[in-house]
């Protein structure tokens, strides 16, 4: 059985303190946060006004309860820009936004429970049922998470869960390009947030043109970023690669054209077997 525990060195933590923290975020992000309970988490994104995905993160209530505030589990490299962006929206809301990555780290555990006595924050990864748990705690409390992070990345890739900066570019991808609607990252019933009109239009018209899909390689695995071609036509690119499996951002109409014509999709010298697209 696939199992492991990895420290995720590329993740960091932002703490937002104050009773209005979840309400503040709820007005900005793609998912609903008003009913978020301790022990649970929501995956959400902050978009540009044009609907481009700027930041994605997990929102987790503080152990003291949602009225105390929340933690954001997010890419460490994005923390300075995300803190700046949140402070621009803060105005007079009585909250405090701070980078606490020096004192709190993130680990992933899959196929097994955390060790007995673990006292940090633990929550089920809401993007896919089999992804496992994510843990937030001081680094010394996560010393048991010794599996290389590559093991977690392979697990994530096998489940078809993309990673920002690898499978899609921040600032130049739409919500549906990055599969956030498939990964429980969007609430289509909530009120307005930046970029909501674009997200709703694509969703209700079922007009997504590109998606990140699971692929299997028949041949040498290509490098991330390699072009995917249908004959002489470039139809996308490779993202995460884990052995013979990977993820690729692909034009959906071209995938269907290739299937109808019996034309193989190629990345380098490897042919691609593309997983079926779930109904939109």
Protein backbone atom coordinates (compact mmCIF):
# COMPACT_ATOMS: atom_id res chain seq x y z
CA UNK A 1 0.00 0.00 0.00
CA UNK A 2 1.21 3.52 -0.84
CA UNK A 3 2.03 5.24 2.44
CA UNK A 4 4.42 7.78 3.86
CA UNK A 5 4.99 10.98 5.80
CA UNK A 6 6.92 13.88 4.24
CA UNK A 7 7.93 17.30 5.43
CA UNK A 8 6.87 19.75 2.71
CA UNK A 9 9.78 22.16 2.67
CA UNK A 10 8.24 24.38 -0.01
CA UNK A 11 5.19 25.20 2.11
CA UNK A 12 4.81 27.99 4.65
CA UNK A 13 2.19 29.33 7.05
CA UNK A 14 0.43 32.68 7.31
CA UNK A 15 -1.52 33.37 10.50
CA UNK A 16 -4.54 35.68 10.39
CA UNK A 17 -5.67 36.55 13.91
CA UNK A 18 -8.97 38.08 14.87
CA UNK A 19 -12.65 37.25 15.02
CA UNK A 20 -13.28 38.62 11.52
CA UNK A 21 -10.50 36.62 9.82
CA UNK A 22 -12.73 34.05 8.11
CA UNK A 23 -15.31 36.64 7.09
CA UNK A 24 -12.54 38.79 5.60
CA UNK A 25 -11.17 35.87 3.56
CA UNK A 26 -14.63 34.67 2.59
CA UNK A 27 -15.20 37.92 0.69
CA UNK A 28 -11.99 37.46 -1.30
CA UNK A 29 -11.62 33.79 -2.23
CA UNK A 30 -13.27 31.18 -4.45
CA UNK A 31 -14.61 28.96 -1.67
CA UNK A 32 -17.06 29.43 1.17
CA UNK A 33 -15.49 29.80 4.61
CA UNK A 34 -18.39 30.88 6.81
CA UNK A 35 -19.25 27.36 7.98
CA UNK A 36 -15.65 26.17 8.44
CA UNK A 37 -15.26 24.16 11.64
CA UNK A 38 -12.17 23.31 13.73
CA UNK A 39 -10.44 20.19 12.42
CA UNK A 40 -11.53 20.86 8.83
CA UNK A 41 -9.97 22.89 6.04
CA UNK A 42 -10.96 24.49 2.76
CA UNK A 43 -8.92 24.71 -0.41
CA UNK A 44 -9.38 28.12 -2.04
CA UNK A 45 -7.81 30.61 -4.39
CA UNK A 46 -7.43 34.36 -4.66
CA UNK A 47 -7.93 35.63 -8.21
CA UNK A 48 -7.27 38.75 -10.21
CA UNK A 49 -10.23 40.79 -11.41
CA UNK A 50 -9.82 39.06 -14.78
CA UNK A 51 -10.23 35.63 -13.15
CA UNK A 52 -6.55 34.62 -13.27
CA UNK A 53 -5.33 32.46 -10.39
CA UNK A 54 -2.87 34.47 -8.28
CA UNK A 55 -2.62 32.38 -5.09
CA UNK A 56 -4.01 29.08 -3.81
CA UNK A 57 -3.92 27.81 -0.24
CA UNK A 58 -5.63 25.81 2.50
CA UNK A 59 -7.61 27.75 5.11
CA UNK A 60 -7.56 26.11 8.55
CA UNK A 61 -9.23 27.49 11.71
CA UNK A 62 -6.91 28.03 14.64
CA UNK A 63 -7.13 25.32 17.32
CA UNK A 64 -8.79 27.84 19.63
CA UNK A 65 -11.67 28.04 17.15
CA UNK A 66 -12.68 30.05 14.06
CA UNK A 67 -13.41 33.09 16.22
CA UNK A 68 -9.67 33.30 16.99
CA UNK A 69 -8.60 33.33 13.34
CA UNK A 70 -7.04 30.92 10.90
CA UNK A 71 -3.88 29.60 9.29
CA UNK A 72 -3.10 29.58 5.56
CA UNK A 73 -1.01 26.65 4.32
CA UNK A 74 0.51 28.10 1.14
CA UNK A 75 3.58 28.03 -1.11
CA UNK A 76 6.47 29.48 0.89
CA UNK A 77 7.77 31.42 -2.12
CA UNK A 78 4.46 33.30 -2.41
CA UNK A 79 4.15 34.40 1.21
CA UNK A 80 5.60 37.93 0.85
CA UNK A 81 3.32 38.73 -2.09
CA UNK A 82 0.28 37.08 -0.48
CA UNK A 83 0.75 38.97 2.80
CA UNK A 84 1.05 42.20 0.83
CA UNK A 85 -2.08 41.41 -1.20
CA UNK A 86 -4.12 40.57 1.90
CA UNK A 87 -3.00 43.73 3.66
CA UNK A 88 -4.12 45.78 0.64
CA UNK A 89 -7.62 44.36 1.08
CA UNK A 90 -7.61 44.58 4.87
CA UNK A 91 -8.49 48.28 5.18
CA UNK A 92 -10.02 48.73 8.67
CA UNK A 93 -10.80 45.08 9.38
CA UNK A 94 -9.43 44.35 12.91
CA UNK A 95 -7.16 41.44 12.03
CA UNK A 96 -3.44 40.76 12.10
CA UNK A 97 -1.68 39.06 9.16
CA UNK A 98 1.78 37.57 9.75
CA UNK A 99 4.21 35.04 8.31
CA UNK A 100 4.79 32.38 11.00
CA UNK A 101 6.78 29.94 8.84
CA UNK A 102 9.77 30.25 11.16
CA UNK A 103 7.81 28.53 13.93
CA UNK A 104 5.33 26.32 12.03
CA UNK A 105 6.00 23.75 9.29
CA UNK A 106 3.80 21.56 7.07
CA UNK A 107 3.88 17.79 6.53
CA UNK A 108 1.76 15.36 4.51
CA UNK A 109 0.83 11.90 5.77
CA UNK A 110 -0.87 9.37 3.51
CA UNK A 111 -1.88 5.75 3.93
CA UNK A 112 -1.30 5.88 7.69
CA UNK A 113 -2.32 8.02 10.69
CA UNK A 114 -0.08 10.58 12.37
CA UNK A 115 1.89 9.21 15.31
CA UNK A 116 0.12 8.81 18.65
CA UNK A 117 0.36 11.96 20.71
CA UNK A 118 0.68 14.37 17.77
CA UNK A 119 -0.53 17.71 19.13
CA UNK A 120 -0.46 20.04 16.13
CA UNK A 121 -3.16 20.89 13.62
CA UNK A 122 -4.25 17.94 11.44
CA UNK A 123 -6.81 18.00 8.64
CA UNK A 124 -7.87 15.84 5.72
CA UNK A 125 -6.65 17.26 2.42
CA UNK A 126 -9.96 18.42 0.90
CA UNK A 127 -8.81 18.17 -2.74
CA UNK A 128 -9.03 14.37 -3.09
CA UNK A 129 -10.13 11.66 -0.70
CA UNK A 130 -6.99 9.52 -0.92
CA UNK A 131 -4.46 12.35 -0.58
CA UNK A 132 -4.36 11.81 3.19
CA UNK A 133 -3.74 14.30 5.98
CA UNK A 134 -1.84 17.55 6.21
CA UNK A 135 -0.20 18.51 9.51
CA UNK A 136 0.85 21.92 10.80
CA UNK A 137 3.13 22.03 13.82
CA UNK A 138 6.53 23.25 15.02
CA UNK A 139 9.28 21.57 12.98
CA UNK A 140 10.43 19.45 15.93
CA UNK A 141 6.92 17.95 16.19
CA UNK A 142 7.17 16.78 12.57
CA UNK A 143 10.53 15.02 12.92
CA UNK A 144 8.82 11.69 12.17
CA UNK A 145 8.05 12.85 8.59
CA UNK A 146 11.25 11.52 7.04
CA UNK A 147 10.08 10.23 3.64
CA UNK A 148 11.55 12.26 0.75
CA UNK A 149 9.13 14.85 -0.58
CA UNK A 150 9.42 13.19 -3.99
CA UNK A 151 7.31 10.36 -2.55
CA UNK A 152 4.50 12.74 -1.72
CA UNK A 153 4.76 14.44 -5.12
CA UNK A 154 4.44 11.03 -6.82
CA UNK A 155 1.38 10.25 -4.67
CA UNK A 156 -0.20 13.60 -5.57
CA UNK A 157 0.57 13.13 -9.26
CA UNK A 158 -0.94 9.64 -9.33
CA UNK A 159 -4.19 11.09 -7.97
CA UNK A 160 -4.27 13.82 -10.61
CA UNK A 161 -3.79 16.73 -8.20
CA UNK A 162 -1.80 19.59 -9.78
CA UNK A 163 0.73 21.84 -8.07
CA UNK A 164 0.98 25.57 -8.67
CA UNK A 165 4.20 26.66 -10.32
CA UNK A 166 4.72 23.18 -11.77
CA UNK A 167 1.45 22.22 -13.44
CA UNK A 168 0.03 25.71 -13.92
CA UNK A 169 1.56 29.20 -13.79
CA UNK A 170 0.39 31.59 -11.11
CA UNK A 171 -0.99 34.76 -12.65
CA UNK A 172 -1.65 33.21 -16.07
CA UNK A 173 -4.11 30.35 -15.52
CA UNK A 174 -7.84 30.28 -14.95
CA UNK A 175 -9.60 28.32 -12.22
CA UNK A 176 -10.81 25.63 -14.63
CA UNK A 177 -7.37 25.32 -16.26
CA UNK A 178 -6.02 24.28 -12.85
CA UNK A 179 -8.97 21.97 -12.03
CA UNK A 180 -9.96 23.86 -8.87
CA UNK A 181 -13.60 23.04 -9.53
CA UNK A 182 -12.75 19.31 -9.53
CA UNK A 183 -10.69 19.69 -6.36
CA UNK A 184 -13.33 21.22 -4.08
CA UNK A 185 -11.73 24.65 -4.43
CA UNK A 186 -14.77 26.62 -5.67
CA UNK A 187 -18.22 27.26 -4.24
CA UNK A 188 -20.44 28.27 -7.15
CA UNK A 189 -23.24 29.35 -4.79
CA UNK A 190 -21.34 31.96 -2.78
CA UNK A 191 -21.46 35.68 -3.36
CA UNK A 192 -19.09 37.96 -5.19
CA UNK A 193 -15.31 37.80 -5.02
CA UNK A 194 -12.65 39.14 -7.40
CA UNK A 195 -12.85 37.26 -10.71
CA UNK A 196 -16.12 35.50 -9.88
CA UNK A 197 -17.87 36.55 -13.09
CA UNK A 198 -15.27 34.78 -15.23
CA UNK A 199 -15.38 31.63 -13.09
CA UNK A 200 -19.17 31.48 -13.16
CA UNK A 201 -19.39 32.08 -16.91
CA UNK A 202 -16.99 29.23 -17.73
CA UNK A 203 -18.73 26.91 -15.28
CA UNK A 204 -22.31 27.47 -16.34
CA UNK A 205 -21.50 27.56 -20.05
CA UNK A 206 -19.28 24.48 -19.68
CA UNK A 207 -16.71 26.32 -21.79
CA UNK A 208 -13.38 25.31 -20.24
CA UNK A 209 -10.86 24.98 -23.09
CA UNK A 210 -7.87 23.59 -21.19
CA UNK A 211 -7.51 21.19 -18.29
CA UNK A 212 -4.77 19.44 -16.34
CA UNK A 213 -5.25 15.72 -16.98
CA UNK A 214 -3.55 12.55 -15.81
CA UNK A 215 -1.31 10.94 -18.42
CA UNK A 216 0.78 7.80 -18.70
CA UNK A 217 3.97 7.66 -20.75
CA UNK A 218 4.78 4.90 -23.20
CA UNK A 219 8.47 5.63 -23.54
CA UNK A 220 11.07 7.71 -21.69
CA UNK A 221 9.31 10.13 -19.31
CA UNK A 222 9.64 13.69 -20.67
CA UNK A 223 10.90 16.58 -18.57
CA UNK A 224 8.37 18.92 -16.96
CA UNK A 225 7.59 21.70 -19.39
CA UNK A 226 7.95 19.50 -22.47
CA UNK A 227 5.51 20.23 -25.28
CA UNK A 228 2.68 17.81 -26.00
CA UNK A 229 2.07 17.50 -29.73
CA UNK A 230 -0.55 16.06 -32.05
CA UNK A 231 1.41 15.62 -35.23
CA UNK A 232 2.93 19.08 -35.81
CA UNK A 233 0.42 20.85 -33.55
CA UNK A 234 1.36 21.85 -30.00
CA UNK A 235 -1.65 21.14 -27.78
CA UNK A 236 -0.22 21.59 -24.28
CA UNK A 237 2.68 20.83 -22.00
CA UNK A 238 3.84 18.37 -19.35
CA UNK A 239 3.76 19.35 -15.68
CA UNK A 240 4.47 16.94 -12.83
CA UNK A 241 6.29 13.72 -13.73
CA UNK A 242 6.58 10.65 -11.50
CA UNK A 243 8.01 7.66 -13.35
CA UNK A 244 5.61 6.55 -16.05
CA UNK A 245 2.84 8.82 -14.76
CA UNK A 246 2.38 12.54 -15.01
CA UNK A 247 0.07 15.50 -15.42
CA UNK A 248 -0.33 17.63 -18.52
CA UNK A 249 -2.17 20.87 -19.31
CA UNK A 250 -3.99 20.03 -22.55
CA UNK A 251 -6.42 21.61 -24.99
CA UNK A 252 -9.58 19.55 -24.56
CA UNK A 253 -10.76 19.96 -28.16
CA UNK A 254 -7.39 18.78 -29.49
CA UNK A 255 -7.45 15.74 -27.22
CA UNK A 256 -10.83 14.81 -28.68
CA UNK A 257 -9.60 15.47 -32.23
CA UNK A 258 -6.62 13.17 -31.67
CA UNK A 259 -8.82 10.44 -30.25
CA UNK A 260 -11.26 10.66 -33.17
CA UNK A 261 -8.46 10.60 -35.75
CA UNK A 262 -6.40 7.92 -34.01
CA UNK A 263 -3.44 10.32 -33.87
CA UNK A 264 -1.04 9.66 -30.99
CA UNK A 265 -0.17 12.43 -28.59
CA UNK A 266 3.57 12.74 -28.01
CA UNK A 267 5.88 14.39 -25.50
CA UNK A 268 9.45 13.98 -26.64
CA UNK A 269 9.72 10.35 -27.76
CA UNK A 270 7.00 9.13 -25.39
CA UNK A 271 3.43 8.51 -26.48
CA UNK A 272 0.77 9.70 -24.04
CA UNK A 273 -2.22 7.78 -22.78
CA UNK A 274 -4.61 10.47 -21.49
CA UNK A 275 -7.10 9.70 -18.73
CA UNK A 276 -10.77 10.28 -19.61
CA UNK A 277 -12.08 13.78 -18.96
CA UNK A 278 -14.77 13.80 -16.25
CA UNK A 279 -18.08 15.35 -17.32
CA UNK A 280 -18.01 19.15 -17.06
